[in-house]
């Protein structure tokens, strides 16, 4: 049988040990939550930057196609019959549409092959063809970057969802540990008074 003093000392020691363990867990969890919240904030900022970049790329892509069309209007269409000019306009319209980069590459290859023959027949120099190709290539690069950003956004969205879930669980555990620590502190004060 333990004496009352020994029993109280054992209870005090138990509460001190629990208090130490819980405080350590509380602090570790708090640090981890802060890091996760910081990561979530960074993800949000990345999503904002990506959305802004996507808008720039969409505009840039259309601008390059518009520049190619302007070159056609100025230098090529006046030398062509209406049917050929309309076909080129339709081809450009398809290229400008919202299509995957792989599809855009296929359309561009067949378009440039077709255009090469038309440019020669119209008596234009190779530099015209190179200007058109440069603008279409830039438009395609924008589309490729758009696709990469869209894929990155999907991963970020998944990460963001898991971080929010982790934060939610972590906060409730952190709150529970805070209550547990408070209870041990109160119990420790109570038992230490009896010890004296």
Protein backbone atom coordinates (compact mmCIF):
# COMPACT_ATOMS: atom_id res chain seq x y z
CA UNK A 1 0.00 0.00 0.00
CA UNK A 2 1.23 3.44 -0.93
CA UNK A 3 1.07 6.19 1.58
CA UNK A 4 -0.99 9.25 0.76
CA UNK A 5 2.15 11.36 0.13
CA UNK A 6 3.58 8.75 -2.24
CA UNK A 7 0.27 8.46 -4.06
CA UNK A 8 0.00 12.24 -4.46
CA UNK A 9 3.64 12.42 -5.63
CA UNK A 10 2.97 9.68 -8.20
CA UNK A 11 -0.13 11.51 -9.46
CA UNK A 12 1.81 14.82 -9.64
CA UNK A 13 4.62 13.09 -11.55
CA UNK A 14 2.11 11.47 -13.91
CA UNK A 15 0.51 14.84 -14.70
CA UNK A 16 3.93 16.44 -15.22
CA UNK A 17 4.93 13.67 -17.62
CA UNK A 18 1.63 13.93 -19.54
CA UNK A 19 1.94 17.71 -19.58
CA UNK A 20 5.47 17.53 -21.00
CA UNK A 21 4.45 14.99 -23.68
CA UNK A 22 1.32 16.90 -24.64
CA UNK A 23 3.14 20.25 -24.80
CA UNK A 24 5.77 18.72 -27.08
CA UNK A 25 3.08 17.25 -29.33
CA UNK A 26 1.14 20.55 -29.22
CA UNK A 27 4.22 22.57 -30.25
CA UNK A 28 5.25 20.09 -32.96
CA UNK A 29 1.74 20.04 -34.37
CA UNK A 30 1.57 23.85 -34.21
CA UNK A 31 4.81 24.12 -36.19
CA UNK A 32 3.59 21.57 -38.73
CA UNK A 33 0.27 23.41 -39.08
CA UNK A 34 2.07 26.71 -39.62
CA UNK A 35 4.17 25.11 -42.35
CA UNK A 36 1.12 23.55 -44.02
CA UNK A 37 -0.76 26.86 -43.86
CA UNK A 38 2.25 28.63 -45.39
CA UNK A 39 2.36 25.98 -48.14
CA UNK A 40 -1.38 26.42 -48.75
CA UNK A 41 -0.89 30.19 -49.01
CA UNK A 42 1.96 29.68 -51.49
CA UNK A 43 -0.22 27.32 -53.53
CA UNK A 44 -2.96 29.94 -53.64
CA UNK A 45 -0.47 32.56 -54.83
CA UNK A 46 0.80 30.12 -57.47
CA UNK A 47 -2.74 29.57 -58.70
CA UNK A 48 -3.26 33.33 -58.99
CA UNK A 49 0.00 33.75 -60.94
CA UNK A 50 -0.92 30.81 -63.19
CA UNK A 51 -4.36 32.26 -63.93
CA UNK A 52 -2.76 35.59 -64.83
CA UNK A 53 -0.16 33.86 -67.02
CA UNK A 54 -2.87 31.86 -68.78
CA UNK A 55 -4.69 35.05 -69.70
CA UNK A 56 -1.48 36.56 -71.08
CA UNK A 57 -0.73 33.41 -73.09
CA UNK A 58 -4.24 33.22 -74.55
CA UNK A 59 -3.98 36.82 -75.64
CA UNK A 60 -0.45 36.36 -76.94
CA UNK A 61 -1.47 33.29 -78.95
CA UNK A 62 -4.34 35.13 -80.60
CA UNK A 63 -2.11 38.12 -81.26
CA UNK A 64 0.43 35.99 -83.15
CA UNK A 65 -2.31 34.47 -85.30
CA UNK A 66 -3.72 37.95 -85.89
CA UNK A 67 -0.28 39.11 -87.06
CA UNK A 68 -0.11 36.17 -89.48
CA UNK A 69 -3.58 37.05 -90.80
CA UNK A 70 -2.51 40.67 -91.26
CA UNK A 71 0.44 39.51 -93.37
CA UNK A 72 -1.89 37.39 -95.47
CA UNK A 73 -4.30 40.30 -95.97
CA UNK A 74 -1.53 42.67 -96.95
CA UNK A 75 0.81 40.53 -99.05
CA UNK A 76 -0.84 37.28 -100.11
CA UNK A 77 -4.63 37.55 -100.44
CA UNK A 78 -4.49 40.29 -103.11
CA UNK A 79 -2.57 37.82 -105.31
CA UNK A 80 -4.98 34.91 -104.80
CA UNK A 81 -8.35 33.90 -106.12
CA UNK A 82 -11.25 34.08 -103.65
CA UNK A 83 -11.55 30.28 -103.18
CA UNK A 84 -7.88 29.84 -102.21
CA UNK A 85 -7.98 32.90 -99.94
CA UNK A 86 -11.12 31.57 -98.21
CA UNK A 87 -9.50 28.16 -97.69
CA UNK A 88 -6.49 29.81 -96.05
CA UNK A 89 -8.80 31.87 -93.84
CA UNK A 90 -10.61 28.70 -92.75
CA UNK A 91 -7.31 26.93 -92.03
CA UNK A 92 -6.12 29.84 -89.89
CA UNK A 93 -9.47 29.90 -88.10
CA UNK A 94 -9.04 26.20 -87.20
CA UNK A 95 -5.48 26.83 -86.01
CA UNK A 96 -6.65 29.73 -83.83
CA UNK A 97 -9.34 27.65 -82.15
CA UNK A 98 -8.99 26.11 -78.73
CA UNK A 99 -7.18 22.92 -79.64
CA UNK A 100 -4.60 20.71 -78.01
CA UNK A 101 -0.97 21.46 -78.93
CA UNK A 102 -0.61 18.07 -80.63
CA UNK A 103 -3.60 18.78 -82.89
CA UNK A 104 -2.31 22.29 -83.54
CA UNK A 105 1.05 20.85 -84.62
CA UNK A 106 -0.62 18.51 -87.13
CA UNK A 107 -2.77 21.32 -88.53
CA UNK A 108 0.23 23.64 -88.72
CA UNK A 109 2.32 21.07 -90.59
CA UNK A 110 -0.32 20.47 -93.26
CA UNK A 111 -1.12 24.20 -93.40
CA UNK A 112 2.53 25.19 -93.92
CA UNK A 113 2.96 22.55 -96.60
CA UNK A 114 -0.12 23.85 -98.44
CA UNK A 115 0.94 27.46 -97.90
CA UNK A 116 4.42 26.80 -99.28
CA UNK A 117 3.01 25.92 -102.69
CA UNK A 118 0.63 28.90 -102.69
CA UNK A 119 3.38 31.35 -101.71
CA UNK A 120 5.60 30.11 -104.56
CA UNK A 121 2.77 30.29 -107.07
CA UNK A 122 1.96 33.84 -105.91
CA UNK A 123 5.56 34.88 -106.51
CA UNK A 124 6.30 35.85 -102.90
CA UNK A 125 9.74 35.39 -101.40
CA UNK A 126 10.73 32.75 -98.87
CA UNK A 127 10.97 35.45 -96.19
CA UNK A 128 7.17 35.78 -96.24
CA UNK A 129 6.82 32.10 -95.45
CA UNK A 130 9.42 32.39 -92.67
CA UNK A 131 7.52 35.32 -91.10
CA UNK A 132 4.28 33.35 -91.11
CA UNK A 133 5.97 30.27 -89.68
CA UNK A 134 7.64 32.31 -86.92
CA UNK A 135 4.31 33.77 -85.81
CA UNK A 136 2.54 30.43 -85.89
CA UNK A 137 5.41 28.81 -83.97
CA UNK A 138 5.16 31.53 -81.30
CA UNK A 139 1.40 30.99 -81.09
CA UNK A 140 1.99 27.25 -80.71
CA UNK A 141 4.56 27.83 -77.97
CA UNK A 142 1.96 29.84 -76.09
CA UNK A 143 -0.55 27.01 -76.48
CA UNK A 144 2.01 24.48 -75.26
CA UNK A 145 2.77 26.58 -72.19
CA UNK A 146 -0.97 26.96 -71.60
CA UNK A 147 -1.35 23.19 -71.55
CA UNK A 148 1.53 22.79 -69.08
CA UNK A 149 0.01 25.40 -66.78
CA UNK A 150 -3.39 23.71 -66.96
CA UNK A 151 -1.79 20.38 -65.98
CA UNK A 152 0.10 22.06 -63.14
CA UNK A 153 -3.13 23.65 -61.93
CA UNK A 154 -4.71 20.20 -61.60
CA UNK A 155 -1.84 19.02 -59.38
CA UNK A 156 -1.98 22.22 -57.33
CA UNK A 157 -5.73 21.81 -56.89
CA UNK A 158 -5.22 18.27 -55.59
CA UNK A 159 -2.43 19.42 -53.25
CA UNK A 160 -4.55 22.33 -52.06
CA UNK A 161 -7.45 20.01 -51.24
CA UNK A 162 -5.25 17.63 -49.26
CA UNK A 163 -3.57 20.53 -47.43
CA UNK A 164 -6.96 22.01 -46.48
CA UNK A 165 -8.06 18.62 -45.18
CA UNK A 166 -4.82 18.23 -43.23
CA UNK A 167 -5.21 21.74 -41.78
CA UNK A 168 -8.77 21.00 -40.71
CA UNK A 169 -7.81 17.74 -38.98
CA UNK A 170 -4.68 19.28 -37.50
CA UNK A 171 -6.53 22.27 -36.05
CA UNK A 172 -9.08 20.10 -34.29
CA UNK A 173 -6.30 17.92 -32.88
CA UNK A 174 -4.35 21.03 -31.86
CA UNK A 175 -7.41 22.42 -30.08
CA UNK A 176 -7.98 19.08 -28.32
CA UNK A 177 -4.33 19.02 -27.17
CA UNK A 178 -4.70 22.58 -25.85
CA UNK A 179 -7.69 21.51 -23.75
CA UNK A 180 -5.82 18.41 -22.57
CA UNK A 181 -2.82 20.56 -21.52
CA UNK A 182 -5.08 22.95 -19.65
CA UNK A 183 -6.71 20.02 -17.81
CA UNK A 184 -3.31 18.60 -16.83
CA UNK A 185 -2.16 22.04 -15.64
CA UNK A 186 -5.26 22.41 -13.48
CA UNK A 187 -4.86 18.88 -12.14
CA UNK A 188 -1.19 19.50 -11.41
CA UNK A 189 -1.99 22.69 -9.46
CA UNK A 190 -4.66 20.82 -7.50
CA UNK A 191 -2.42 17.85 -6.62
CA UNK A 192 0.62 20.01 -5.84
CA UNK A 193 -1.47 21.91 -3.27
CA UNK A 194 -2.33 18.59 -1.58
CA UNK A 195 1.32 17.54 -1.66
CA UNK A 196 2.38 20.43 0.58
